Amino acid sequence: MYYVSKRMEIAGCHRLNLSYESKCGVLHGHNWIITVYCRAKELNKDGMVVDFKQVKEKIHGYLDHGNFNELLPFNPTAENIARWCTEQIPECYKTKVQESESNVAIYIEDDYEDK
């Protein structure tokens, strides 16, 4: 099994729609650190699990310097963003989203063992 990861720093803002009163309901920004983890049993015809450039284009290229509320069709929590990133790359089985030094969300596909 081959494993690769791609770490990206993304500047972006969001406003959370929460069921309780919170400062996070006001538009605010983060310098997000998003790391996607990919794997493959066999390398592609180019000798890679996935091209790092393609990963960067799909995630960083789409989100960087954007308003996540406008770019994503869901409440842009770190947890939901982690799931969305995983779904963008077929070889991806896990994503770590860090919105600050002390706040991290990780999404792992339930069926990642079957890939």
PDB file of N, CA and C in Angstrom:
ATOM      1  N   MET A   1       0.850  -1.176   0.000  1.00  0.00           N
ATOM      2  CA  MET A   1       0.000   0.000   0.000  1.00  0.00           C
ATOM      3  C   MET A   1       0.894   1.236   0.000  1.00  0.00           C
ATOM      4  N   TYR A   2       0.546   2.204  -0.812  1.00  0.00           N
ATOM      5  CA  TYR A   2       1.271   3.469  -0.890  1.00  0.00           C
ATOM      6  C   TYR A   2       0.443   4.561  -0.218  1.00  0.00           C
ATOM      7  N   TYR A   3       1.108   5.427   0.536  1.00  0.00           N
ATOM      8  CA  TYR A   3       0.444   6.525   1.217  1.00  0.00           C
ATOM      9  C   TYR A   3       1.157   7.837   0.902  1.00  0.00           C
ATOM     10  N   VAL A   4       0.393   8.877   0.668  1.00  0.00           N
ATOM     11  CA  VAL A   4       0.934  10.225   0.509  1.00  0.00           C
ATOM     12  C   VAL A   4       0.030  11.199   1.255  1.00  0.00           C
ATOM     13  N   SER A   5       0.582  12.352   1.587  1.00  0.00           N
ATOM     14  CA  SER A   5      -0.238  13.405   2.178  1.00  0.00           C
ATOM     15  C   SER A   5       0.167  14.731   1.566  1.00  0.00           C
ATOM     16  N   LYS A   6      -0.776  15.647   1.539  1.00  0.00           N
ATOM     17  CA  LYS A   6      -0.549  16.994   1.015  1.00  0.00           C
ATOM     18  C   LYS A   6      -1.064  17.977   2.054  1.00  0.00           C
ATOM     19  N   ARG A   7      -0.173  18.870   2.505  1.00  0.00           N
ATOM     20  CA  ARG A   7      -0.515  19.886   3.501  1.00  0.00           C
ATOM     21  C   ARG A   7      -0.621  21.228   2.791  1.00  0.00           C
ATOM     22  N   MET A   8      -1.706  21.949   3.064  1.00  0.00           N
ATOM     23  CA  MET A   8      -1.955  23.226   2.407  1.00  0.00           C
ATOM     24  C   MET A   8      -2.369  24.261   3.443  1.00  0.00           C
ATOM     25  N   GLU A   9      -1.901  25.479   3.271  1.00  0.00           N
ATOM     26  CA  GLU A   9      -2.369  26.592   4.101  1.00  0.00           C
ATOM     27  C   GLU A   9      -3.341  27.392   3.256  1.00  0.00           C
ATOM     28  N   ILE A  10      -4.524  27.590   3.797  1.00  0.00           N
ATOM     29  CA  ILE A  10      -5.604  28.241   3.065  1.00  0.00           C
ATOM     30  C   ILE A  10      -6.163  29.383   3.907  1.00  0.00           C
ATOM     31  N   ALA A  11      -6.184  30.574   3.320  1.00  0.00           N
ATOM     32  CA  ALA A  11      -6.820  31.713   3.978  1.00  0.00           C
ATOM     33  C   ALA A  11      -8.285  31.714   3.563  1.00  0.00           C
ATOM     34  N   GLY A  12      -9.163  31.792   4.518  1.00  0.00           N
ATOM     35  CA  GLY A  12     -10.578  31.793   4.186  1.00  0.00           C
ATOM     36  C   GLY A  12     -11.422  32.213   5.364  1.00  0.00           C
ATOM     37  N   CYS A  13     -12.631  32.673   5.050  1.00  0.00           N
ATOM     38  CA  CYS A  13     -13.538  33.102   6.113  1.00  0.00           C
ATOM     39  C   CYS A  13     -14.807  32.254   6.095  1.00  0.00           C
ATOM     40  N   HIS A  14     -15.488  32.277   7.221  1.00  0.00           N
ATOM     41  CA  HIS A  14     -16.777  31.589   7.336  1.00  0.00           C
ATOM     42  C   HIS A  14     -17.570  32.199   8.474  1.00  0.00           C
ATOM     43  N   ARG A  15     -18.819  31.862   8.469  1.00  0.00           N
ATOM     44  CA  ARG A  15     -19.756  32.239   9.525  1.00  0.00           C
ATOM     45  C   ARG A  15     -20.543  30.986   9.813  1.00  0.00           C
ATOM     46  N   LEU A  16     -20.592  30.577  11.066  1.00  0.00           N
ATOM     47  CA  LEU A  16     -21.291  29.337  11.407  1.00  0.00           C
ATOM     48  C   LEU A  16     -22.741  29.600  11.779  1.00  0.00           C
ATOM     49  N   ASN A  17     -23.600  28.758  11.270  1.00  0.00           N
ATOM     50  CA  ASN A  17     -25.026  28.795  11.620  1.00  0.00           C
ATOM     51  C   ASN A  17     -25.224  27.789  12.747  1.00  0.00           C
ATOM     52  N   LEU A  18     -25.302  28.297  13.979  1.00  0.00           N
ATOM     53  CA  LEU A  18     -25.360  27.428  15.153  1.00  0.00           C
ATOM     54  C   LEU A  18     -26.702  27.550  15.856  1.00  0.00           C
ATOM     55  N   SER A  19     -27.012  26.538  16.658  1.00  0.00           N
ATOM     56  CA  SER A  19     -28.278  26.519  17.392  1.00  0.00           C
ATOM     57  C   SER A  19     -28.178  27.282  18.715  1.00  0.00           C
ATOM     58  N   TYR A  20     -27.065  27.930  18.964  1.00  0.00           N
ATOM     59  CA  TYR A  20     -26.848  28.683  20.186  1.00  0.00           C
ATOM     60  C   TYR A  20     -26.091  29.968  19.858  1.00  0.00           C
ATOM     61  N   GLU A  21     -26.098  30.917  20.772  1.00  0.00           N
ATOM     62  CA  GLU A  21     -25.417  32.199  20.597  1.00  0.00           C
ATOM     63  C   GLU A  21     -23.901  31.982  20.618  1.00  0.00           C
ATOM     64  N   SER A  22     -23.200  32.520  19.618  1.00  0.00           N
ATOM     65  CA  SER A  22     -21.761  32.334  19.541  1.00  0.00           C
ATOM     66  C   SER A  22     -21.129  33.422  18.686  1.00  0.00           C
ATOM     67  N   LYS A  23     -19.906  33.825  19.030  1.00  0.00           N
ATOM     68  CA  LYS A  23     -19.159  34.771  18.207  1.00  0.00           C
ATOM     69  C   LYS A  23     -18.896  34.193  16.819  1.00  0.00           C
ATOM     70  N   CYS A  24     -18.911  32.892  16.695  1.00  0.00           N
ATOM     71  CA  CYS A  24     -18.644  32.243  15.405  1.00  0.00           C
ATOM     72  C   CYS A  24     -19.771  32.462  14.399  1.00  0.00           C
ATOM     73  N   GLY A  25     -20.883  33.027  14.855  1.00  0.00           N
ATOM     74  CA  GLY A  25     -21.973  33.362  13.954  1.00  0.00           C
ATOM     75  C   GLY A  25     -21.709  34.621  13.150  1.00  0.00           C
ATOM     76  N   VAL A  26     -20.628  35.309  13.486  1.00  0.00           N
ATOM     77  CA  VAL A  26     -20.212  36.510  12.771  1.00  0.00           C
ATOM     78  C   VAL A  26     -19.108  36.103  11.792  1.00  0.00           C
ATOM     79  N   LEU A  27     -19.140  36.664  10.595  1.00  0.00           N
ATOM     80  CA  LEU A  27     -18.124  36.352   9.592  1.00  0.00           C
ATOM     81  C   LEU A  27     -16.729  36.626  10.159  1.00  0.00           C
ATOM     82  N   HIS A  28     -15.852  35.628  10.078  1.00  0.00           N
ATOM     83  CA  HIS A  28     -14.489  35.743  10.578  1.00  0.00           C
ATOM     84  C   HIS A  28     -13.580  34.836   9.767  1.00  0.00           C
ATOM     85  N   GLY A  29     -12.277  35.061   9.845  1.00  0.00           N
ATOM     86  CA  GLY A  29     -11.343  34.293   9.025  1.00  0.00           C
ATOM     87  C   GLY A  29     -10.347  33.492   9.826  1.00  0.00           C
ATOM     88  N   HIS A  30      -9.725  32.552   9.127  1.00  0.00           N
ATOM     89  CA  HIS A  30      -8.664  31.711   9.688  1.00  0.00           C
ATOM     90  C   HIS A  30      -7.608  31.511   8.614  1.00  0.00           C
ATOM     91  N   ASN A  31      -6.417  31.188   9.044  1.00  0.00           N
ATOM     92  CA  ASN A  31      -5.415  30.622   8.149  1.00  0.00           C
ATOM     93  C   ASN A  31      -5.452  29.120   8.417  1.00  0.00           C
ATOM     94  N   TRP A  32      -6.281  28.447   7.661  1.00  0.00           N
ATOM     95  CA  TRP A  32      -6.534  27.021   7.834  1.00  0.00           C
ATOM     96  C   TRP A  32      -5.313  26.219   7.397  1.00  0.00           C
ATOM     97  N   ILE A  33      -5.038  25.134   8.095  1.00  0.00           N
ATOM     98  CA  ILE A  33      -4.055  24.152   7.647  1.00  0.00           C
ATOM     99  C   ILE A  33      -4.858  22.896   7.339  1.00  0.00           C
ATOM    100  N   ILE A  34      -4.873  22.516   6.078  1.00  0.00           N
ATOM    101  CA  ILE A  34      -5.634  21.342   5.656  1.00  0.00           C
ATOM    102  C   ILE A  34      -4.656  20.318   5.106  1.00  0.00           C
ATOM    103  N   THR A  35      -4.715  19.114   5.667  1.00  0.00           N
ATOM    104  CA  THR A  35      -3.865  18.021   5.208  1.00  0.00           C
ATOM    105  C   THR A  35      -4.754  16.887   4.739  1.00  0.00           C
ATOM    106  N   VAL A  36      -4.562  16.487   3.489  1.00  0.00           N
ATOM    107  CA  VAL A  36      -5.309  15.347   2.959  1.00  0.00           C
ATOM    108  C   VAL A  36      -4.365  14.154   2.869  1.00  0.00           C
ATOM    109  N   TYR A  37      -4.912  12.997   3.167  1.00  0.00           N
ATOM    110  CA  TYR A  37      -4.158  11.747   3.172  1.00  0.00           C
ATOM    111  C   TYR A  37      -4.757  10.826   2.118  1.00  0.00           C
ATOM    112  N   CYS A  38      -3.901  10.327   1.228  1.00  0.00           N
ATOM    113  CA  CYS A  38      -4.364   9.490   0.123  1.00  0.00           C
ATOM    114  C   CYS A  38      -3.595   8.178   0.134  1.00  0.00           C
ATOM    115  N   ARG A  39      -4.201   7.194  -0.504  1.00  0.00           N
ATOM    116  CA  ARG A  39      -3.535   5.898  -0.577  1.00  0.00           C
ATOM    117  C   ARG A  39      -3.984   5.139  -1.804  1.00  0.00           C
ATOM    118  N   ALA A  40      -3.157   4.180  -2.205  1.00  0.00           N
ATOM    119  CA  ALA A  40      -3.484   3.324  -3.340  1.00  0.00           C
ATOM    120  C   ALA A  40      -2.725   2.010  -3.204  1.00  0.00           C
ATOM    121  N   LYS A  41      -3.368   0.949  -3.636  1.00  0.00           N
ATOM    122  CA  LYS A  41      -2.702  -0.351  -3.641  1.00  0.00           C
ATOM    123  C   LYS A  41      -1.662  -0.412  -4.755  1.00  0.00           C
ATOM    124  N   GLU A  42      -1.964   0.279  -5.858  1.00  0.00           N
ATOM    125  CA  GLU A  42      -1.036   0.330  -6.980  1.00  0.00           C
ATOM    126  C   GLU A  42      -0.875   1.773  -7.420  1.00  0.00           C
ATOM    127  N   LEU A  43       0.298   2.090  -7.917  1.00  0.00           N
ATOM    128  CA  LEU A  43       0.540   3.437  -8.425  1.00  0.00           C
ATOM    129  C   LEU A  43      -0.105   3.613  -9.786  1.00  0.00           C
ATOM    130  N   ASN A  44      -0.449   4.850 -10.127  1.00  0.00           N
ATOM    131  CA  ASN A  44      -1.044   5.115 -11.437  1.00  0.00           C
ATOM    132  C   ASN A  44       0.030   5.010 -12.525  1.00  0.00           C
ATOM    133  N   LYS A  45      -0.339   5.257 -13.759  1.00  0.00           N
ATOM    134  CA  LYS A  45       0.589   5.083 -14.887  1.00  0.00           C
ATOM    135  C   LYS A  45       1.795   6.014 -14.801  1.00  0.00           C
ATOM    136  N   ASP A  46       1.690   7.074 -14.009  1.00  0.00           N
ATOM    137  CA  ASP A  46       2.794   8.018 -13.820  1.00  0.00           C
ATOM    138  C   ASP A  46       3.645   7.692 -12.596  1.00  0.00           C
ATOM    139  N   GLY A  47       3.313   6.602 -11.912  1.00  0.00           N
ATOM    140  CA  GLY A  47       4.076   6.201 -10.738  1.00  0.00           C
ATOM    141  C   GLY A  47       3.700   6.940  -9.468  1.00  0.00           C
ATOM    142  N   MET A  48       2.443   7.425  -9.397  1.00  0.00           N
ATOM    143  CA  MET A  48       1.987   8.192  -8.234  1.00  0.00           C
ATOM    144  C   MET A  48       0.697   7.608  -7.659  1.00  0.00           C
ATOM    145  N   VAL A  49       0.456   7.917  -6.390  1.00  0.00           N
ATOM    146  CA  VAL A  49      -0.861   7.667  -5.795  1.00  0.00           C
ATOM    147  C   VAL A  49      -1.827   8.670  -6.400  1.00  0.00           C
ATOM    148  N   VAL A  50      -1.438   9.938  -6.331  1.00  0.00           N
ATOM    149  CA  VAL A  50      -2.196  11.046  -6.901  1.00  0.00           C
ATOM    150  C   VAL A  50      -1.206  12.190  -7.091  1.00  0.00           C
ATOM    151  N   ASP A  51      -1.412  12.998  -8.096  1.00  0.00           N
ATOM    152  CA  ASP A  51      -0.527  14.135  -8.338  1.00  0.00           C
ATOM    153  C   ASP A  51      -0.801  15.219  -7.301  1.00  0.00           C
ATOM    154  N   PHE A  52       0.232  15.642  -6.575  1.00  0.00           N
ATOM    155  CA  PHE A  52       0.071  16.674  -5.549  1.00  0.00           C
ATOM    156  C   PHE A  52      -0.514  17.955  -6.132  1.00  0.00           C
ATOM    157  N   LYS A  53      -0.159  18.253  -7.365  1.00  0.00           N
ATOM    158  CA  LYS A  53      -0.677  19.463  -8.013  1.00  0.00           C
ATOM    159  C   LYS A  53      -2.194  19.390  -8.179  1.00  0.00           C
ATOM    160  N   GLN A  54      -2.708  18.220  -8.536  1.00  0.00           N
ATOM    161  CA  GLN A  54      -4.154  18.053  -8.693  1.00  0.00           C
ATOM    162  C   GLN A  54      -4.873  18.209  -7.356  1.00  0.00           C
ATOM    163  N   VAL A  55      -4.286  17.705  -6.295  1.00  0.00           N
ATOM    164  CA  VAL A  55      -4.869  17.859  -4.961  1.00  0.00           C
ATOM    165  C   VAL A  55      -4.924  19.344  -4.602  1.00  0.00           C
ATOM    166  N   LYS A  56      -3.817  20.047  -4.824  1.00  0.00           N
ATOM    167  CA  LYS A  56      -3.766  21.473  -4.499  1.00  0.00           C
ATOM    168  C   LYS A  56      -4.792  22.257  -5.306  1.00  0.00           C
ATOM    169  N   GLU A  57      -4.938  21.942  -6.588  1.00  0.00           N
ATOM    170  CA  GLU A  57      -5.908  22.655  -7.426  1.00  0.00           C
ATOM    171  C   GLU A  57      -7.332  22.455  -6.932  1.00  0.00           C
ATOM    172  N   LYS A  58      -7.677  21.219  -6.563  1.00  0.00           N
ATOM    173  CA  LYS A  58      -9.049  20.909  -6.137  1.00  0.00           C
ATOM    174  C   LYS A  58      -9.417  21.533  -4.793  1.00  0.00           C
ATOM    175  N   ILE A  59      -8.472  21.579  -3.864  1.00  0.00           N
ATOM    176  CA  ILE A  59      -8.774  22.064  -2.514  1.00  0.00           C
ATOM    177  C   ILE A  59      -8.322  23.523  -2.365  1.00  0.00           C
ATOM    178  N   HIS A  60      -7.041  23.746  -2.428  1.00  0.00           N
ATOM    179  CA  HIS A  60      -6.486  25.096  -2.254  1.00  0.00           C
ATOM    180  C   HIS A  60      -6.991  26.035  -3.340  1.00  0.00           C
ATOM    181  N   GLY A  61      -6.953  25.579  -4.571  1.00  0.00           N
ATOM    182  CA  GLY A  61      -7.382  26.418  -5.687  1.00  0.00           C
ATOM    183  C   GLY A  61      -8.829  26.860  -5.584  1.00  0.00           C
ATOM    184  N   TYR A  62      -9.664  26.038  -4.974  1.00  0.00           N
ATOM    185  CA  TYR A  62     -11.084  26.364  -4.842  1.00  0.00           C
ATOM    186  C   TYR A  62     -11.374  27.212  -3.600  1.00  0.00           C
ATOM    187  N   LEU A  63     -10.746  26.885  -2.478  1.00  0.00           N
ATOM    188  CA  LEU A  63     -11.095  27.531  -1.211  1.00  0.00           C
ATOM    189  C   LEU A  63     -10.278  28.774  -0.868  1.00  0.00           C
ATOM    190  N   ASP A  64      -9.024  28.854  -1.314  1.00  0.00           N
ATOM    191  CA  ASP A  64      -8.127  29.892  -0.831  1.00  0.00           C
ATOM    192  C   ASP A  64      -8.660  31.301  -1.079  1.00  0.00           C
ATOM    193  N   HIS A  65      -8.635  32.109  -0.039  1.00  0.00           N
ATOM    194  CA  HIS A  65      -9.106  33.492  -0.022  1.00  0.00           C
ATOM    195  C   HIS A  65     -10.596  33.614  -0.348  1.00  0.00           C
ATOM    196  N   GLY A  66     -11.342  32.569  -0.015  1.00  0.00           N
ATOM    197  CA  GLY A  66     -12.771  32.581  -0.281  1.00  0.00           C
ATOM    198  C   GLY A  66     -13.612  32.647   0.967  1.00  0.00           C
ATOM    199  N   ASN A  67     -14.891  32.929   0.741  1.00  0.00           N
ATOM    200  CA  ASN A  67     -15.901  32.883   1.793  1.00  0.00           C
ATOM    201  C   ASN A  67     -16.516  31.489   1.722  1.00  0.00           C
ATOM    202  N   PHE A  68     -16.223  30.656   2.697  1.00  0.00           N
ATOM    203  CA  PHE A  68     -16.666  29.268   2.665  1.00  0.00           C
ATOM    204  C   PHE A  68     -18.188  29.144   2.655  1.00  0.00           C
ATOM    205  N   ASN A  69     -18.894  30.113   3.224  1.00  0.00           N
ATOM    206  CA  ASN A  69     -20.359  30.083   3.186  1.00  0.00           C
ATOM    207  C   ASN A  69     -20.873  30.200   1.754  1.00  0.00           C
ATOM    208  N   GLU A  70     -20.145  30.901   0.915  1.00  0.00           N
ATOM    209  CA  GLU A  70     -20.542  31.055  -0.485  1.00  0.00           C
ATOM    210  C   GLU A  70     -20.044  29.905  -1.354  1.00  0.00           C
ATOM    211  N   LEU A  71     -18.935  29.288  -0.977  1.00  0.00           N
ATOM    212  CA  LEU A  71     -18.319  28.240  -1.797  1.00  0.00           C
ATOM    213  C   LEU A  71     -18.834  26.839  -1.503  1.00  0.00           C
ATOM    214  N   LEU A  72     -19.316  26.613  -0.292  1.00  0.00           N
ATOM    215  CA  LEU A  72     -19.692  25.258   0.131  1.00  0.00           C
ATOM    216  C   LEU A  72     -21.183  25.187   0.437  1.00  0.00           C
ATOM    217  N   PRO A  73     -21.838  24.088   0.073  1.00  0.00           N
ATOM    218  CA  PRO A  73     -23.297  23.973   0.232  1.00  0.00           C
ATOM    219  C   PRO A  73     -23.752  23.442   1.593  1.00  0.00           C
ATOM    220  N   PHE A  74     -23.003  23.766   2.653  1.00  0.00           N
ATOM    221  CA  PHE A  74     -23.338  23.273   3.993  1.00  0.00           C
ATOM    222  C   PHE A  74     -22.783  24.243   5.019  1.00  0.00           C
ATOM    223  N   ASN A  75     -23.159  24.060   6.267  1.00  0.00           N
ATOM    224  CA  ASN A  75     -22.620  24.863   7.366  1.00  0.00           C
ATOM    225  C   ASN A  75     -21.111  24.577   7.437  1.00  0.00           C
ATOM    226  N   PRO A  76     -20.251  25.564   7.169  1.00  0.00           N
ATOM    227  CA  PRO A  76     -18.818  25.296   7.017  1.00  0.00           C
ATOM    228  C   PRO A  76     -18.045  25.149   8.338  1.00  0.00           C
ATOM    229  N   THR A  77     -18.427  24.141   9.105  1.00  0.00           N
ATOM    230  CA  THR A  77     -17.659  23.792  10.297  1.00  0.00           C
ATOM    231  C   THR A  77     -16.385  23.080   9.848  1.00  0.00           C
ATOM    232  N   ALA A  78     -15.402  23.012  10.713  1.00  0.00           N
ATOM    233  CA  ALA A  78     -14.163  22.297  10.388  1.00  0.00           C
ATOM    234  C   ALA A  78     -14.460  20.832  10.067  1.00  0.00           C
ATOM    235  N   GLU A  79     -15.416  20.242  10.789  1.00  0.00           N
ATOM    236  CA  GLU A  79     -15.778  18.839  10.555  1.00  0.00           C
ATOM    237  C   GLU A  79     -16.352  18.644   9.151  1.00  0.00           C
ATOM    238  N   ASN A  80     -17.277  19.526   8.764  1.00  0.00           N
ATOM    239  CA  ASN A  80     -17.886  19.417   7.434  1.00  0.00           C
ATOM    240  C   ASN A  80     -16.877  19.702   6.324  1.00  0.00           C
ATOM    241  N   ILE A  81     -15.972  20.628   6.567  1.00  0.00           N
ATOM    242  CA  ILE A  81     -14.938  20.930   5.572  1.00  0.00           C
ATOM    243  C   ILE A  81     -14.016  19.727   5.397  1.00  0.00           C
ATOM    244  N   ALA A  82     -13.674  19.048   6.484  1.00  0.00           N
ATOM    245  CA  ALA A  82     -12.826  17.854   6.407  1.00  0.00           C
ATOM    246  C   ALA A  82     -13.490  16.772   5.555  1.00  0.00           C
ATOM    247  N   ARG A  83     -14.771  16.559   5.766  1.00  0.00           N
ATOM    248  CA  ARG A  83     -15.490  15.563   4.954  1.00  0.00           C
ATOM    249  C   ARG A  83     -15.492  15.968   3.486  1.00  0.00           C
ATOM    250  N   TRP A  84     -15.795  17.241   3.210  1.00  0.00           N
ATOM    251  CA  TRP A  84     -15.852  17.729   1.834  1.00  0.00           C
ATOM    252  C   TRP A  84     -14.513  17.534   1.126  1.00  0.00           C
ATOM    253  N   CYS A  85     -13.412  17.880   1.798  1.00  0.00           N
ATOM    254  CA  CYS A  85     -12.086  17.712   1.191  1.00  0.00           C
ATOM    255  C   CYS A  85     -11.827  16.254   0.838  1.00  0.00           C
ATOM    256  N   THR A  86     -12.180  15.346   1.737  1.00  0.00           N
ATOM    257  CA  THR A  86     -11.989  13.916   1.488  1.00  0.00           C
ATOM    258  C   THR A  86     -12.763  13.472   0.251  1.00  0.00           C
ATOM    259  N   GLU A  87     -13.951  14.007   0.083  1.00  0.00           N
ATOM    260  CA  GLU A  87     -14.805  13.616  -1.048  1.00  0.00           C
ATOM    261  C   GLU A  87     -14.311  14.175  -2.387  1.00  0.00           C
ATOM    262  N   GLN A  88     -13.446  15.175  -2.373  1.00  0.00           N
ATOM    263  CA  GLN A  88     -12.983  15.790  -3.615  1.00  0.00           C
ATOM    264  C   GLN A  88     -11.914  14.975  -4.339  1.00  0.00           C
ATOM    265  N   ILE A  89     -11.208  14.118  -3.615  1.00  0.00           N
ATOM    266  CA  ILE A  89     -10.089  13.362  -4.169  1.00  0.00           C
ATOM    267  C   ILE A  89     -10.407  11.872  -4.022  1.00  0.00           C
ATOM    268  N   PRO A  90     -10.598  11.150  -5.124  1.00  0.00           N
ATOM    269  CA  PRO A  90     -10.977   9.732  -5.020  1.00  0.00           C
ATOM    270  C   PRO A  90     -10.017   8.882  -4.174  1.00  0.00           C
ATOM    271  N   GLU A  91      -8.735   9.188  -4.205  1.00  0.00           N
ATOM    272  CA  GLU A  91      -7.746   8.406  -3.459  1.00  0.00           C
ATOM    273  C   GLU A  91      -7.666   8.804  -1.986  1.00  0.00           C
ATOM    274  N   CYS A  92      -8.365   9.868  -1.612  1.00  0.00           N
ATOM    275  CA  CYS A  92      -8.290  10.385  -0.247  1.00  0.00           C
ATOM    276  C   CYS A  92      -9.166   9.569   0.695  1.00  0.00           C
ATOM    277  N   TYR A  93      -8.617   9.219   1.849  1.00  0.00           N
ATOM    278  CA  TYR A  93      -9.381   8.471   2.854  1.00  0.00           C
ATOM    279  C   TYR A  93      -9.484   9.232   4.182  1.00  0.00           C
ATOM    280  N   LYS A  94      -8.701  10.320   4.319  1.00  0.00           N
ATOM    281  CA  LYS A  94      -8.696  11.059   5.583  1.00  0.00           C
ATOM    282  C   LYS A  94      -8.270  12.502   5.323  1.00  0.00           C
ATOM    283  N   THR A  95      -8.875  13.421   6.064  1.00  0.00           N
ATOM    284  CA  THR A  95      -8.469  14.823   6.002  1.00  0.00           C
ATOM    285  C   THR A  95      -8.439  15.407   7.401  1.00  0.00           C
ATOM    286  N   LYS A  96      -7.404  16.205   7.662  1.00  0.00           N
ATOM    287  CA  LYS A  96      -7.246  16.926   8.922  1.00  0.00           C
ATOM    288  C   LYS A  96      -7.399  18.412   8.610  1.00  0.00           C
ATOM    289  N   VAL A  97      -8.311  19.076   9.310  1.00  0.00           N
ATOM    290  CA  VAL A  97      -8.546  20.509   9.138  1.00  0.00           C
ATOM    291  C   VAL A  97      -8.226  21.199  10.453  1.00  0.00           C
ATOM    292  N   GLN A  98      -7.257  22.102  10.405  1.00  0.00           N
ATOM    293  CA  GLN A  98      -6.857  22.856  11.590  1.00  0.00           C
ATOM    294  C   GLN A  98      -7.221  24.312  11.342  1.00  0.00           C
ATOM    295  N   GLU A  99      -8.160  24.829  12.134  1.00  0.00           N
ATOM    296  CA  GLU A  99      -8.568  26.219  11.948  1.00  0.00           C
ATOM    297  C   GLU A  99      -7.819  27.167  12.873  1.00  0.00           C
ATOM    298  N   SER A 100      -7.191  26.635  13.894  1.00  0.00           N
ATOM    299  CA  SER A 100      -6.324  27.402  14.786  1.00  0.00           C
ATOM    300  C   SER A 100      -5.381  26.413  15.454  1.00  0.00           C
ATOM    301  N   GLU A 101      -4.443  26.925  16.215  1.00  0.00           N
ATOM    302  CA  GLU A 101      -3.455  26.056  16.856  1.00  0.00           C
ATOM    303  C   GLU A 101      -4.111  24.978  17.730  1.00  0.00           C
ATOM    304  N   SER A 102      -5.242  25.309  18.345  1.00  0.00           N
ATOM    305  CA  SER A 102      -5.841  24.367  19.291  1.00  0.00           C
ATOM    306  C   SER A 102      -7.137  23.724  18.802  1.00  0.00           C
ATOM    307  N   ASN A 103      -7.581  24.020  17.575  1.00  0.00           N
ATOM    308  CA  ASN A 103      -8.838  23.464  17.068  1.00  0.00           C
ATOM    309  C   ASN A 103      -8.605  22.671  15.793  1.00  0.00           C
ATOM    310  N   VAL A 104      -8.809  21.361  15.893  1.00  0.00           N
ATOM    311  CA  VAL A 104      -8.551  20.453  14.776  1.00  0.00           C
ATOM    312  C   VAL A 104      -9.735  19.505  14.624  1.00  0.00           C
ATOM    313  N   ALA A 105     -10.123  19.268  13.373  1.00  0.00           N
ATOM    314  CA  ALA A 105     -11.144  18.261  13.068  1.00  0.00           C
ATOM    315  C   ALA A 105     -10.546  17.270  12.076  1.00  0.00           C
ATOM    316  N   ILE A 106     -10.873  16.006  12.241  1.00  0.00           N
ATOM    317  CA  ILE A 106     -10.391  14.960  11.342  1.00  0.00           C
ATOM    318  C   ILE A 106     -11.581  14.155  10.855  1.00  0.00           C
ATOM    319  N   TYR A 107     -11.598  13.910   9.545  1.00  0.00           N
ATOM    320  CA  TYR A 107     -12.615  13.049   8.961  1.00  0.00           C
ATOM    321  C   TYR A 107     -11.909  11.852   8.348  1.00  0.00           C
ATOM    322  N   ILE A 108     -12.392  10.647   8.655  1.00  0.00           N
ATOM    323  CA  ILE A 108     -11.869   9.409   8.076  1.00  0.00           C
ATOM    324  C   ILE A 108     -13.048   8.651   7.493  1.00  0.00           C
ATOM    325  N   GLU A 109     -12.935   8.259   6.241  1.00  0.00           N
ATOM    326  CA  GLU A 109     -14.007   7.478   5.620  1.00  0.00           C
ATOM    327  C   GLU A 109     -14.226   6.198   6.411  1.00  0.00           C
ATOM    328  N   ASP A 110     -15.483   5.856   6.645  1.00  0.00           N
ATOM    329  CA  ASP A 110     -15.803   4.620   7.359  1.00  0.00           C
ATOM    330  C   ASP A 110     -15.300   3.394   6.617  1.00  0.00           C
ATOM    331  N   ASP A 111     -15.359   3.457   5.302  1.00  0.00           N
ATOM    332  CA  ASP A 111     -15.014   2.283   4.504  1.00  0.00           C
ATOM    333  C   ASP A 111     -13.622   2.392   3.889  1.00  0.00           C
ATOM    334  N   TYR A 112     -12.741   3.181   4.491  1.00  0.00           N
ATOM    335  CA  TYR A 112     -11.425   3.384   3.871  1.00  0.00           C
ATOM    336  C   TYR A 112     -10.631   2.089   3.769  1.00  0.00           C
ATOM    337  N   GLU A 113     -10.914   1.113   4.572  1.00  0.00           N
ATOM    338  CA  GLU A 113     -10.219  -0.172   4.484  1.00  0.00           C
ATOM    339  C   GLU A 113     -10.534  -0.898   3.185  1.00  0.00           C
ATOM    340  N   ASP A 114     -11.695  -0.583   2.591  1.00  0.00           N
ATOM    341  CA  ASP A 114     -12.121  -1.284   1.382  1.00  0.00           C
ATOM    342  C   ASP A 114     -11.547  -0.705   0.108  1.00  0.00           C
ATOM    343  N   LYS A 115     -10.907   0.440   0.174  1.00  0.00           N
ATOM    344  CA  LYS A 115     -10.374   1.085  -1.035  1.00  0.00           C
ATOM    345  C   LYS A 115      -9.199   0.337  -1.598  1.00  0.00           C
TER     346      LYS A 115
END
